[in-house]
PDB file of all heavy atoms in Angstrom:
ATOM      1  N   ARG A   1     -49.776  58.626  13.259  1.00  0.00           N
ATOM      2  CA  ARG A   1     -51.000  58.024  12.670  1.00  0.00           C
ATOM      3  C   ARG A   1     -51.915  59.096  11.999  1.00  0.00           C
ATOM      4  O   ARG A   1     -52.548  58.692  11.028  1.00  0.00           O
ATOM      5  CB  ARG A   1     -51.806  57.324  13.879  1.00  0.00           C
ATOM      6  CG  ARG A   1     -53.014  56.532  13.340  1.00  0.00           C
ATOM      7  CD  ARG A   1     -53.649  55.755  14.502  1.00  0.00           C
ATOM      8  NE  ARG A   1     -53.968  56.552  15.659  1.00  0.00           N
ATOM      9  CZ  ARG A   1     -55.017  57.385  15.759  1.00  0.00           C
ATOM     10  NH1 ARG A   1     -55.840  57.529  14.790  1.00  0.00           N
ATOM     11  NH2 ARG A   1     -55.163  58.072  16.886  1.00  0.00           N
ATOM     12  N   LYS A   2     -51.873  60.268  12.478  1.00  0.00           N
ATOM     13  CA  LYS A   2     -52.658  61.334  11.832  1.00  0.00           C
ATOM     14  C   LYS A   2     -51.977  62.061  10.670  1.00  0.00           C
ATOM     15  O   LYS A   2     -52.548  63.036  10.190  1.00  0.00           O
ATOM     16  CB  LYS A   2     -53.082  62.324  12.910  1.00  0.00           C
ATOM     17  CG  LYS A   2     -54.066  61.737  13.961  1.00  0.00           C
ATOM     18  CD  LYS A   2     -54.326  62.669  15.072  1.00  0.00           C
ATOM     19  CE  LYS A   2     -55.337  62.061  16.070  1.00  0.00           C
ATOM     20  NZ  LYS A   2     -55.536  63.029  17.111  1.00  0.00           N
ATOM     21  N   THR A   3     -50.884  61.599  10.261  1.00  0.00           N
ATOM     22  CA  THR A   3     -50.050  62.266   9.258  1.00  0.00           C
ATOM     23  C   THR A   3     -50.309  61.697   7.878  1.00  0.00           C
ATOM     24  O   THR A   3     -50.291  60.383   7.683  1.00  0.00           O
ATOM     25  CB  THR A   3     -48.496  62.107   9.563  1.00  0.00           C
ATOM     26  OG1 THR A   3     -48.260  62.699  10.825  1.00  0.00           O
ATOM     27  CG2 THR A   3     -47.697  62.779   8.481  1.00  0.00           C
ATOM     28  N   ASN A   4     -50.764  62.483   6.946  1.00  0.00           N
ATOM     29  CA  ASN A   4     -50.997  62.059   5.590  1.00  0.00           C
ATOM     30  C   ASN A   4     -49.724  61.346   5.001  1.00  0.00           C
ATOM     31  O   ASN A   4     -48.618  61.899   5.003  1.00  0.00           O
ATOM     32  CB  ASN A   4     -51.427  63.270   4.714  1.00  0.00           C
ATOM     33  CG  ASN A   4     -51.870  62.827   3.307  1.00  0.00           C
ATOM     34  OD1 ASN A   4     -52.568  61.865   3.228  1.00  0.00           O
ATOM     35  ND2 ASN A   4     -51.458  63.570   2.347  1.00  0.00           N
ATOM     36  N   GLY A   5     -49.968  60.242   4.413  1.00  0.00           N
ATOM     37  CA  GLY A   5     -48.853  59.370   3.881  1.00  0.00           C
ATOM     38  C   GLY A   5     -48.491  58.264   4.782  1.00  0.00           C
ATOM     39  O   GLY A   5     -47.762  57.321   4.340  1.00  0.00           O
ATOM     40  N   VAL A   6     -48.845  58.291   6.063  1.00  0.00           N
ATOM     41  CA  VAL A   6     -48.590  57.189   6.926  1.00  0.00           C
ATOM     42  C   VAL A   6     -49.663  56.133   6.760  1.00  0.00           C
ATOM     43  O   VAL A   6     -50.878  56.452   6.825  1.00  0.00           O
ATOM     44  CB  VAL A   6     -48.528  57.626   8.416  1.00  0.00           C
ATOM     45  CG1 VAL A   6     -48.515  56.486   9.329  1.00  0.00           C
ATOM     46  CG2 VAL A   6     -47.366  58.516   8.645  1.00  0.00           C
ATOM     47  N   THR A   7     -49.243  54.924   6.540  1.00  0.00           N
ATOM     48  CA  THR A   7     -50.223  53.834   6.189  1.00  0.00           C
ATOM     49  C   THR A   7     -50.482  52.931   7.390  1.00  0.00           C
ATOM     50  O   THR A   7     -51.497  52.225   7.447  1.00  0.00           O
ATOM     51  CB  THR A   7     -49.763  53.019   5.011  1.00  0.00           C
ATOM     52  OG1 THR A   7     -48.434  52.418   5.296  1.00  0.00           O
ATOM     53  CG2 THR A   7     -49.681  53.855   3.755  1.00  0.00           C
ATOM     54  N   ASN A   8     -49.525  52.853   8.386  1.00  0.00           N
ATOM     55  CA  ASN A   8     -49.699  52.094   9.527  1.00  0.00           C
ATOM     56  C   ASN A   8     -48.783  52.528  10.640  1.00  0.00           C
ATOM     57  O   ASN A   8     -47.630  53.004  10.354  1.00  0.00           O
ATOM     58  CB  ASN A   8     -49.499  50.592   9.246  1.00  0.00           C
ATOM     59  CG  ASN A   8     -49.955  49.718  10.344  1.00  0.00           C
ATOM     60  OD1 ASN A   8     -51.014  49.866  10.835  1.00  0.00           O
ATOM     61  ND2 ASN A   8     -49.021  48.798  10.792  1.00  0.00           N
ATOM     62  N   THR A   9     -49.167  52.385  11.861  1.00  0.00           N
ATOM     63  CA  THR A   9     -48.268  52.647  12.951  1.00  0.00           C
ATOM     64  C   THR A   9     -48.313  51.444  13.970  1.00  0.00           C
ATOM     65  O   THR A   9     -49.423  50.907  14.139  1.00  0.00           O
ATOM     66  CB  THR A   9     -48.602  53.893  13.721  1.00  0.00           C
ATOM     67  OG1 THR A   9     -49.937  53.834  14.173  1.00  0.00           O
ATOM     68  CG2 THR A   9     -48.407  55.146  12.910  1.00  0.00           C
ATOM     69  N   THR A  10     -47.217  51.110  14.611  1.00  0.00           N
ATOM     70  CA  THR A  10     -47.239  50.077  15.546  1.00  0.00           C
ATOM     71  C   THR A  10     -46.261  50.536  16.682  1.00  0.00           C
ATOM     72  O   THR A  10     -45.104  50.909  16.358  1.00  0.00           O
ATOM     73  CB  THR A  10     -46.669  48.724  15.046  1.00  0.00           C
ATOM     74  OG1 THR A  10     -47.450  48.366  13.886  1.00  0.00           O
ATOM     75  CG2 THR A  10     -46.719  47.551  15.995  1.00  0.00           C
ATOM     76  N   VAL A  11     -46.696  50.448  17.944  1.00  0.00           N
ATOM     77  CA  VAL A  11     -45.813  50.829  19.007  1.00  0.00           C
ATOM     78  C   VAL A  11     -45.152  49.615  19.552  1.00  0.00           C
ATOM     79  O   VAL A  11     -45.670  48.508  19.531  1.00  0.00           O
ATOM     80  CB  VAL A  11     -46.554  51.681  20.100  1.00  0.00           C
ATOM     81  CG1 VAL A  11     -47.076  52.947  19.573  1.00  0.00           C
ATOM     82  CG2 VAL A  11     -47.659  50.888  20.765  1.00  0.00           C
ATOM     83  N   GLY A  12     -43.958  49.830  20.116  1.00  0.00           N
ATOM     84  CA  GLY A  12     -43.217  48.704  20.591  1.00  0.00           C
ATOM     85  C   GLY A  12     -41.888  49.172  21.322  1.00  0.00           C
ATOM     86  O   GLY A  12     -41.782  50.340  21.680  1.00  0.00           O
ATOM     87  N   TYR A  13     -41.018  48.237  21.319  1.00  0.00           N
ATOM     88  CA  TYR A  13     -39.706  48.429  22.031  1.00  0.00           C
ATOM     89  C   TYR A  13     -38.595  48.014  21.183  1.00  0.00           C
ATOM     90  O   TYR A  13     -38.600  47.040  20.401  1.00  0.00           O
ATOM     91  CB  TYR A  13     -39.637  47.619  23.303  1.00  0.00           C
ATOM     92  CG  TYR A  13     -40.989  47.559  24.047  1.00  0.00           C
ATOM     93  CD1 TYR A  13     -41.817  46.500  24.147  1.00  0.00           C
ATOM     94  CD2 TYR A  13     -41.469  48.754  24.752  1.00  0.00           C
ATOM     95  CE1 TYR A  13     -43.098  46.494  24.727  1.00  0.00           C
ATOM     96  CE2 TYR A  13     -42.671  48.762  25.419  1.00  0.00           C
ATOM     97  CZ  TYR A  13     -43.464  47.616  25.448  1.00  0.00           C
ATOM     98  OH  TYR A  13     -44.650  47.611  26.043  1.00  0.00           O
ATOM     99  N   SER A  14     -37.443  48.872  21.183  1.00  0.00           N
ATOM    100  CA  SER A  14     -36.297  48.591  20.326  1.00  0.00           C
ATOM    101  C   SER A  14     -35.070  49.217  20.993  1.00  0.00           C
ATOM    102  O   SER A  14     -35.170  50.156  21.790  1.00  0.00           O
ATOM    103  CB  SER A  14     -36.555  49.184  18.984  1.00  0.00           C
ATOM    104  OG  SER A  14     -35.682  48.594  18.025  1.00  0.00           O
ATOM    105  N   GLY A  15     -33.902  48.726  20.562  1.00  0.00           N
ATOM    106  CA  GLY A  15     -32.673  49.312  20.999  1.00  0.00           C
ATOM    107  C   GLY A  15     -32.055  48.757  22.202  1.00  0.00           C
ATOM    108  O   GLY A  15     -31.058  49.154  22.658  1.00  0.00           O
ATOM    109  N   GLY A  16     -32.692  47.702  22.779  1.00  0.00           N
ATOM    110  CA  GLY A  16     -32.208  47.129  24.073  1.00  0.00           C
ATOM    111  C   GLY A  16     -31.623  45.719  23.836  1.00  0.00           C
ATOM    112  O   GLY A  16     -31.482  45.230  22.741  1.00  0.00           O
ATOM    113  N   TRP A  17     -31.337  45.038  24.914  1.00  0.00           N
ATOM    114  CA  TRP A  17     -30.717  43.709  24.867  1.00  0.00           C
ATOM    115  C   TRP A  17     -31.705  42.644  25.272  1.00  0.00           C
ATOM    116  O   TRP A  17     -31.461  41.473  25.033  1.00  0.00           O
ATOM    117  CB  TRP A  17     -29.471  43.653  25.776  1.00  0.00           C
ATOM    118  CG  TRP A  17     -29.687  44.303  27.007  1.00  0.00           C
ATOM    119  CD1 TRP A  17     -30.211  43.756  28.215  1.00  0.00           C
ATOM    120  CD2 TRP A  17     -29.361  45.671  27.418  1.00  0.00           C
ATOM    121  NE1 TRP A  17     -30.256  44.700  29.233  1.00  0.00           N
ATOM    122  CE2 TRP A  17     -29.738  45.875  28.774  1.00  0.00           C
ATOM    123  CE3 TRP A  17     -28.876  46.749  26.704  1.00  0.00           C
ATOM    124  CZ2 TRP A  17     -29.670  47.083  29.437  1.00  0.00           C
ATOM    125  CZ3 TRP A  17     -28.701  47.956  27.372  1.00  0.00           C
ATOM    126  CH2 TRP A  17     -29.086  48.052  28.666  1.00  0.00           C
ATOM    127  N   MET A  18     -32.804  42.931  25.946  1.00  0.00           N
ATOM    128  CA  MET A  18     -33.721  41.910  26.402  1.00  0.00           C
ATOM    129  C   MET A  18     -34.660  41.484  25.241  1.00  0.00           C
ATOM    130  O   MET A  18     -35.180  42.321  24.490  1.00  0.00           O
ATOM    131  CB  MET A  18     -34.599  42.443  27.494  1.00  0.00           C
ATOM    132  CG  MET A  18     -35.639  41.413  27.999  1.00  0.00           C
ATOM    133  SD  MET A  18     -36.718  42.059  29.303  1.00  0.00           S
ATOM    134  CE  MET A  18     -35.926  41.273  30.676  1.00  0.00           C
ATOM    135  N   LYS A  19     -34.804  40.203  25.073  1.00  0.00           N
ATOM    136  CA  LYS A  19     -35.689  39.630  23.991  1.00  0.00           C
ATOM    137  C   LYS A  19     -37.089  39.591  24.560  1.00  0.00           C
ATOM    138  O   LYS A  19     -37.323  39.304  25.735  1.00  0.00           O
ATOM    139  CB  LYS A  19     -35.279  38.222  23.627  1.00  0.00           C
ATOM    140  CG  LYS A  19     -33.881  38.149  22.957  1.00  0.00           C
ATOM    141  CD  LYS A  19     -33.896  38.767  21.626  1.00  0.00           C
ATOM    142  CE  LYS A  19     -32.529  38.674  20.906  1.00  0.00           C
ATOM    143  NZ  LYS A  19     -32.363  39.522  19.781  1.00  0.00           N
ATOM    144  N   ASN A  20     -38.079  40.009  23.694  1.00  0.00           N
ATOM    145  CA  ASN A  20     -39.474  39.980  24.012  1.00  0.00           C
ATOM    146  C   ASN A  20     -39.808  40.687  25.354  1.00  0.00           C
ATOM    147  O   ASN A  20     -40.536  40.105  26.226  1.00  0.00           O
ATOM    148  CB  ASN A  20     -39.968  38.524  24.031  1.00  0.00           C
ATOM    149  CG  ASN A  20     -39.749  37.891  22.692  1.00  0.00           C
ATOM    150  OD1 ASN A  20     -40.170  38.419  21.667  1.00  0.00           O
ATOM    151  ND2 ASN A  20     -39.180  36.771  22.707  1.00  0.00           N
ATOM    152  N   PRO A  21     -39.365  41.920  25.531  1.00  0.00           N
ATOM    153  CA  PRO A  21     -39.667  42.599  26.755  1.00  0.00           C
ATOM    154  C   PRO A  21     -41.192  42.937  26.879  1.00  0.00           C
ATOM    155  O   PRO A  21     -41.855  43.071  25.874  1.00  0.00           O
ATOM    156  CB  PRO A  21     -38.842  43.848  26.693  1.00  0.00           C
ATOM    157  CG  PRO A  21     -38.863  44.092  25.223  1.00  0.00           C
ATOM    158  CD  PRO A  21     -38.713  42.822  24.598  1.00  0.00           C
ATOM    159  N   THR A  22     -41.681  43.006  28.090  1.00  0.00           N
ATOM    160  CA  THR A  22     -42.988  43.516  28.282  1.00  0.00           C
ATOM    161  C   THR A  22     -42.902  45.036  28.651  1.00  0.00           C
ATOM    162  O   THR A  22     -41.811  45.553  28.969  1.00  0.00           O
ATOM    163  CB  THR A  22     -43.671  42.773  29.472  1.00  0.00           C
ATOM    164  OG1 THR A  22     -43.008  43.081  30.657  1.00  0.00           O
ATOM    165  CG2 THR A  22     -43.726  41.277  29.250  1.00  0.00           C
ATOM    166  N   TYR A  23     -44.050  45.705  28.755  1.00  0.00           N
ATOM    167  CA  TYR A  23     -44.091  47.058  29.155  1.00  0.00           C
ATOM    168  C   TYR A  23     -43.482  47.212  30.530  1.00  0.00           C
ATOM    169  O   TYR A  23     -42.706  48.159  30.889  1.00  0.00           O
ATOM    170  CB  TYR A  23     -45.518  47.560  29.173  1.00  0.00           C
ATOM    171  CG  TYR A  23     -45.686  49.023  29.556  1.00  0.00           C
ATOM    172  CD1 TYR A  23     -45.194  50.083  28.695  1.00  0.00           C
ATOM    173  CD2 TYR A  23     -46.304  49.303  30.783  1.00  0.00           C
ATOM    174  CE1 TYR A  23     -45.395  51.372  29.109  1.00  0.00           C
ATOM    175  CE2 TYR A  23     -46.403  50.674  31.155  1.00  0.00           C
ATOM    176  CZ  TYR A  23     -45.962  51.667  30.282  1.00  0.00           C
ATOM    177  OH  TYR A  23     -46.146  53.055  30.693  1.00  0.00           O
ATOM    178  N   GLU A  24     -43.835  46.291  31.477  1.00  0.00           N
ATOM    179  CA  GLU A  24     -43.309  46.313  32.840  1.00  0.00           C
ATOM    180  C   GLU A  24     -41.797  46.143  32.806  1.00  0.00           C
ATOM    181  O   GLU A  24     -41.130  46.857  33.580  1.00  0.00           O
ATOM    182  CB  GLU A  24     -43.984  45.200  33.663  1.00  0.00           C
ATOM    183  CG  GLU A  24     -45.448  45.485  34.021  1.00  0.00           C
ATOM    184  CD  GLU A  24     -46.393  45.273  32.785  1.00  0.00           C
ATOM    185  OE1 GLU A  24     -46.087  44.517  31.808  1.00  0.00           O
ATOM    186  OE2 GLU A  24     -47.455  45.834  32.875  1.00  0.00           O
ATOM    187  N   ASP A  25     -41.278  45.316  31.941  1.00  0.00           N
ATOM    188  CA  ASP A  25     -39.845  45.155  31.907  1.00  0.00           C
ATOM    189  C   ASP A  25     -39.190  46.483  31.433  1.00  0.00           C
ATOM    190  O   ASP A  25     -38.192  46.897  32.004  1.00  0.00           O
ATOM    191  CB  ASP A  25     -39.449  44.094  30.843  1.00  0.00           C
ATOM    192  CG  ASP A  25     -39.776  42.649  31.211  1.00  0.00           C
ATOM    193  OD1 ASP A  25     -39.899  42.361  32.422  1.00  0.00           O
ATOM    194  OD2 ASP A  25     -40.024  41.850  30.288  1.00  0.00           O
ATOM    195  N   VAL A  26     -39.655  47.127  30.379  1.00  0.00           N
ATOM    196  CA  VAL A  26     -39.102  48.285  29.871  1.00  0.00           C
ATOM    197  C   VAL A  26     -39.220  49.408  30.884  1.00  0.00           C
ATOM    198  O   VAL A  26     -38.325  50.272  30.989  1.00  0.00           O
ATOM    199  CB  VAL A  26     -39.755  48.615  28.524  1.00  0.00           C
ATOM    200  CG1 VAL A  26     -39.302  50.066  27.983  1.00  0.00           C
ATOM    201  CG2 VAL A  26     -39.572  47.594  27.461  1.00  0.00           C
ATOM    202  N   CYS A  27     -40.246  49.443  31.651  1.00  0.00           N
ATOM    203  CA  CYS A  27     -40.476  50.560  32.646  1.00  0.00           C
ATOM    204  C   CYS A  27     -39.450  50.439  33.815  1.00  0.00           C
ATOM    205  O   CYS A  27     -39.268  51.384  34.550  1.00  0.00           O
ATOM    206  CB  CYS A  27     -41.843  50.471  33.252  1.00  0.00           C
ATOM    207  SG  CYS A  27     -43.086  51.167  32.123  1.00  0.00           S
ATOM    208  N   THR A  28     -38.675  49.278  33.964  1.00  0.00           N
ATOM    209  CA  THR A  28     -37.701  49.202  35.005  1.00  0.00           C
ATOM    210  C   THR A  28     -36.423  49.965  34.662  1.00  0.00           C
ATOM    211  O   THR A  28     -35.574  50.177  35.447  1.00  0.00           O
ATOM    212  CB  THR A  28     -37.239  47.765  35.193  1.00  0.00           C
ATOM    213  OG1 THR A  28     -36.660  47.206  34.027  1.00  0.00           O
ATOM    214  CG2 THR A  28     -38.463  46.872  35.604  1.00  0.00           C
ATOM    215  N   ASP A  29     -36.373  50.410  33.309  1.00  0.00           N
ATOM    216  CA  ASP A  29     -35.207  51.181  32.850  1.00  0.00           C
ATOM    217  C   ASP A  29     -33.882  50.351  32.862  1.00  0.00           C
ATOM    218  O   ASP A  29     -32.853  50.853  32.999  1.00  0.00           O
ATOM    219  CB  ASP A  29     -35.002  52.444  33.697  1.00  0.00           C
ATOM    220  CG  ASP A  29     -34.226  53.573  32.983  1.00  0.00           C
ATOM    221  OD1 ASP A  29     -34.128  53.487  31.770  1.00  0.00           O
ATOM    222  OD2 ASP A  29     -33.691  54.431  33.685  1.00  0.00           O
ATOM    223  N   THR A  30     -34.097  49.001  32.719  1.00  0.00           N
ATOM    224  CA  THR A  30     -32.883  48.121  32.806  1.00  0.00           C
ATOM    225  C   THR A  30     -32.808  47.212  31.522  1.00  0.00           C
ATOM    226  O   THR A  30     -31.882  46.454  31.452  1.00  0.00           O
ATOM    227  CB  THR A  30     -32.947  47.162  34.021  1.00  0.00           C
ATOM    228  OG1 THR A  30     -34.164  46.394  33.896  1.00  0.00           O
ATOM    229  CG2 THR A  30     -32.981  47.921  35.288  1.00  0.00           C
ATOM    230  N   THR A  31     -33.755  47.380  30.565  1.00  0.00           N
ATOM    231  CA  THR A  31     -33.647  46.513  29.388  1.00  0.00           C
ATOM    232  C   THR A  31     -32.922  47.160  28.241  1.00  0.00           C
ATOM    233  O   THR A  31     -32.559  46.438  27.245  1.00  0.00           O
ATOM    234  CB  THR A  31     -35.102  46.230  28.884  1.00  0.00           C
ATOM    235  OG1 THR A  31     -35.651  47.435  28.381  1.00  0.00           O
ATOM    236  CG2 THR A  31     -35.951  45.629  30.009  1.00  0.00           C
ATOM    237  N   GLY A  32     -32.599  48.497  28.319  1.00  0.00           N
ATOM    238  CA  GLY A  32     -31.971  49.163  27.272  1.00  0.00           C
ATOM    239  C   GLY A  32     -32.912  49.615  26.203  1.00  0.00           C
ATOM    240  O   GLY A  32     -32.463  50.356  25.218  1.00  0.00           O
ATOM    241  N   HIS A  33     -34.162  49.138  26.136  1.00  0.00           N
ATOM    242  CA  HIS A  33     -35.098  49.436  25.121  1.00  0.00           C
ATOM    243  C   HIS A  33     -35.631  50.883  25.225  1.00  0.00           C
ATOM    244  O   HIS A  33     -35.792  51.411  26.318  1.00  0.00           O
ATOM    245  CB  HIS A  33     -36.301  48.500  25.102  1.00  0.00           C
ATOM    246  CG  HIS A  33     -35.912  47.155  24.614  1.00  0.00           C
ATOM    247  ND1 HIS A  33     -35.574  46.871  23.286  1.00  0.00           N
ATOM    248  CD2 HIS A  33     -35.764  45.930  25.265  1.00  0.00           C
ATOM    249  CE1 HIS A  33     -35.265  45.645  23.181  1.00  0.00           C
ATOM    250  NE2 HIS A  33     -35.348  44.975  24.313  1.00  0.00           N
ATOM    251  N   ALA A  34     -36.031  51.476  24.100  1.00  0.00           N
ATOM    252  CA  ALA A  34     -36.721  52.737  24.003  1.00  0.00           C
ATOM    253  C   ALA A  34     -38.191  52.343  23.611  1.00  0.00           C
ATOM    254  O   ALA A  34     -38.413  51.405  22.892  1.00  0.00           O
ATOM    255  CB  ALA A  34     -36.113  53.656  23.012  1.00  0.00           C
ATOM    256  N   GLU A  35     -39.120  53.160  24.063  1.00  0.00           N
ATOM    257  CA  GLU A  35     -40.484  53.047  23.641  1.00  0.00           C
ATOM    258  C   GLU A  35     -40.492  53.697  22.227  1.00  0.00           C
ATOM    259  O   GLU A  35     -39.999  54.868  22.064  1.00  0.00           O
ATOM    260  CB  GLU A  35     -41.441  53.815  24.500  1.00  0.00           C
ATOM    261  CG  GLU A  35     -41.736  53.165  25.786  1.00  0.00           C
ATOM    262  CD  GLU A  35     -42.863  53.809  26.604  1.00  0.00           C
ATOM    263  OE1 GLU A  35     -43.594  54.558  25.998  1.00  0.00           O
ATOM    264  OE2 GLU A  35     -42.916  53.460  27.806  1.00  0.00           O
ATOM    265  N   VAL A  36     -40.899  52.926  21.189  1.00  0.00           N
ATOM    266  CA  VAL A  36     -40.753  53.491  19.833  1.00  0.00           C
ATOM    267  C   VAL A  36     -42.070  53.242  19.097  1.00  0.00           C
ATOM    268  O   VAL A  36     -42.960  52.523  19.518  1.00  0.00           O
ATOM    269  CB  VAL A  36     -39.711  52.778  18.976  1.00  0.00           C
ATOM    270  CG1 VAL A  36     -38.268  53.060  19.694  1.00  0.00           C
ATOM    271  CG2 VAL A  36     -39.907  51.291  18.913  1.00  0.00           C
ATOM    272  N   VAL A  37     -42.188  54.030  17.945  1.00  0.00           N
ATOM    273  CA  VAL A  37     -43.260  53.740  17.091  1.00  0.00           C
ATOM    274  C   VAL A  37     -42.636  53.366  15.751  1.00  0.00           C
ATOM    275  O   VAL A  37     -41.700  54.072  15.257  1.00  0.00           O
ATOM    276  CB  VAL A  37     -44.217  54.991  16.900  1.00  0.00           C
ATOM    277  CG1 VAL A  37     -43.480  56.263  16.433  1.00  0.00           C
ATOM    278  CG2 VAL A  37     -45.378  54.646  15.988  1.00  0.00           C
ATOM    279  N   GLN A  38     -43.139  52.269  15.188  1.00  0.00           N
ATOM    280  CA  GLN A  38     -42.705  51.926  13.879  1.00  0.00           C
ATOM    281  C   GLN A  38     -43.804  52.383  12.864  1.00  0.00           C
ATOM    282  O   GLN A  38     -44.939  52.112  13.017  1.00  0.00           O
ATOM    283  CB  GLN A  38     -42.571  50.368  13.774  1.00  0.00           C
ATOM    284  CG  GLN A  38     -41.700  49.931  12.590  1.00  0.00           C
ATOM    285  CD  GLN A  38     -41.221  48.563  12.791  1.00  0.00           C
ATOM    286  OE1 GLN A  38     -41.951  47.514  12.608  1.00  0.00           O
ATOM    287  NE2 GLN A  38     -39.893  48.447  13.151  1.00  0.00           N
ATOM    288  N   VAL A  39     -43.328  53.117  11.919  1.00  0.00           N
ATOM    289  CA  VAL A  39     -44.168  53.829  10.959  1.00  0.00           C
ATOM    290  C   VAL A  39     -44.061  53.251   9.583  1.00  0.00           C
ATOM    291  O   VAL A  39     -42.937  53.095   9.133  1.00  0.00           O
ATOM    292  CB  VAL A  39     -43.850  55.342  10.894  1.00  0.00           C
ATOM    293  CG1 VAL A  39     -44.703  56.017   9.912  1.00  0.00           C
ATOM    294  CG2 VAL A  39     -43.966  55.962  12.344  1.00  0.00           C
ATOM    295  N   GLU A  40     -45.175  52.823   9.011  1.00  0.00           N
ATOM    296  CA  GLU A  40     -45.120  52.408   7.598  1.00  0.00           C
ATOM    297  C   GLU A  40     -45.724  53.596   6.783  1.00  0.00           C
ATOM    298  O   GLU A  40     -46.670  54.177   7.241  1.00  0.00           O
ATOM    299  CB  GLU A  40     -45.961  51.155   7.387  1.00  0.00           C
ATOM    300  CG  GLU A  40     -45.378  49.974   8.102  1.00  0.00           C
ATOM    301  CD  GLU A  40     -46.229  48.737   8.038  1.00  0.00           C
ATOM    302  OE1 GLU A  40     -46.875  48.519   7.017  1.00  0.00           O
ATOM    303  OE2 GLU A  40     -46.274  48.059   9.025  1.00  0.00           O
ATOM    304  N   TYR A  41     -45.014  53.996   5.740  1.00  0.00           N
ATOM    305  CA  TYR A  41     -45.442  55.122   4.934  1.00  0.00           C
ATOM    306  C   TYR A  41     -45.138  55.003   3.550  1.00  0.00           C
ATOM    307  O   TYR A  41     -44.454  54.173   3.089  1.00  0.00           O
ATOM    308  CB  TYR A  41     -44.734  56.361   5.516  1.00  0.00           C
ATOM    309  CG  TYR A  41     -43.166  56.337   5.264  1.00  0.00           C
ATOM    310  CD1 TYR A  41     -42.585  57.079   4.230  1.00  0.00           C
ATOM    311  CD2 TYR A  41     -42.308  55.599   6.023  1.00  0.00           C
ATOM    312  CE1 TYR A  41     -41.243  57.058   3.987  1.00  0.00           C
ATOM    313  CE2 TYR A  41     -40.995  55.492   5.842  1.00  0.00           C
ATOM    314  CZ  TYR A  41     -40.390  56.254   4.778  1.00  0.00           C
ATOM    315  OH  TYR A  41     -39.134  56.216   4.527  1.00  0.00           O
ATOM    316  N   ASP A  42     -45.939  55.830   2.783  1.00  0.00           N
ATOM    317  CA  ASP A  42     -45.821  55.861   1.337  1.00  0.00           C
ATOM    318  C   ASP A  42     -44.872  57.029   0.920  1.00  0.00           C
ATOM    319  O   ASP A  42     -45.245  58.208   1.084  1.00  0.00           O
ATOM    320  CB  ASP A  42     -47.202  56.074   0.694  1.00  0.00           C
ATOM    321  CG  ASP A  42     -47.177  56.078  -0.853  1.00  0.00           C
ATOM    322  OD1 ASP A  42     -46.050  56.162  -1.441  1.00  0.00           O
ATOM    323  OD2 ASP A  42     -48.200  55.977  -1.402  1.00  0.00           O
ATOM    324  N   PRO A  43     -43.682  56.681   0.508  1.00  0.00           N
ATOM    325  CA  PRO A  43     -42.697  57.736   0.128  1.00  0.00           C
ATOM    326  C   PRO A  43     -43.063  58.615  -0.964  1.00  0.00           C
ATOM    327  O   PRO A  43     -42.567  59.754  -1.062  1.00  0.00           O
ATOM    328  CB  PRO A  43     -41.412  56.968  -0.080  1.00  0.00           C
ATOM    329  CG  PRO A  43     -41.869  55.617  -0.468  1.00  0.00           C
ATOM    330  CD  PRO A  43     -43.081  55.339   0.216  1.00  0.00           C
TER     331      PRO A  43
END
């Protein structure tokens, strides 16, 4: 978020098999998801 050229950041979950996981779900280490940041940027 503090990097010049980044226009937006959103944190979430990706890479797993559970649909619409919650933080509590992901913390069980059983959803396959990683905690991620999706970055929108100006190339």
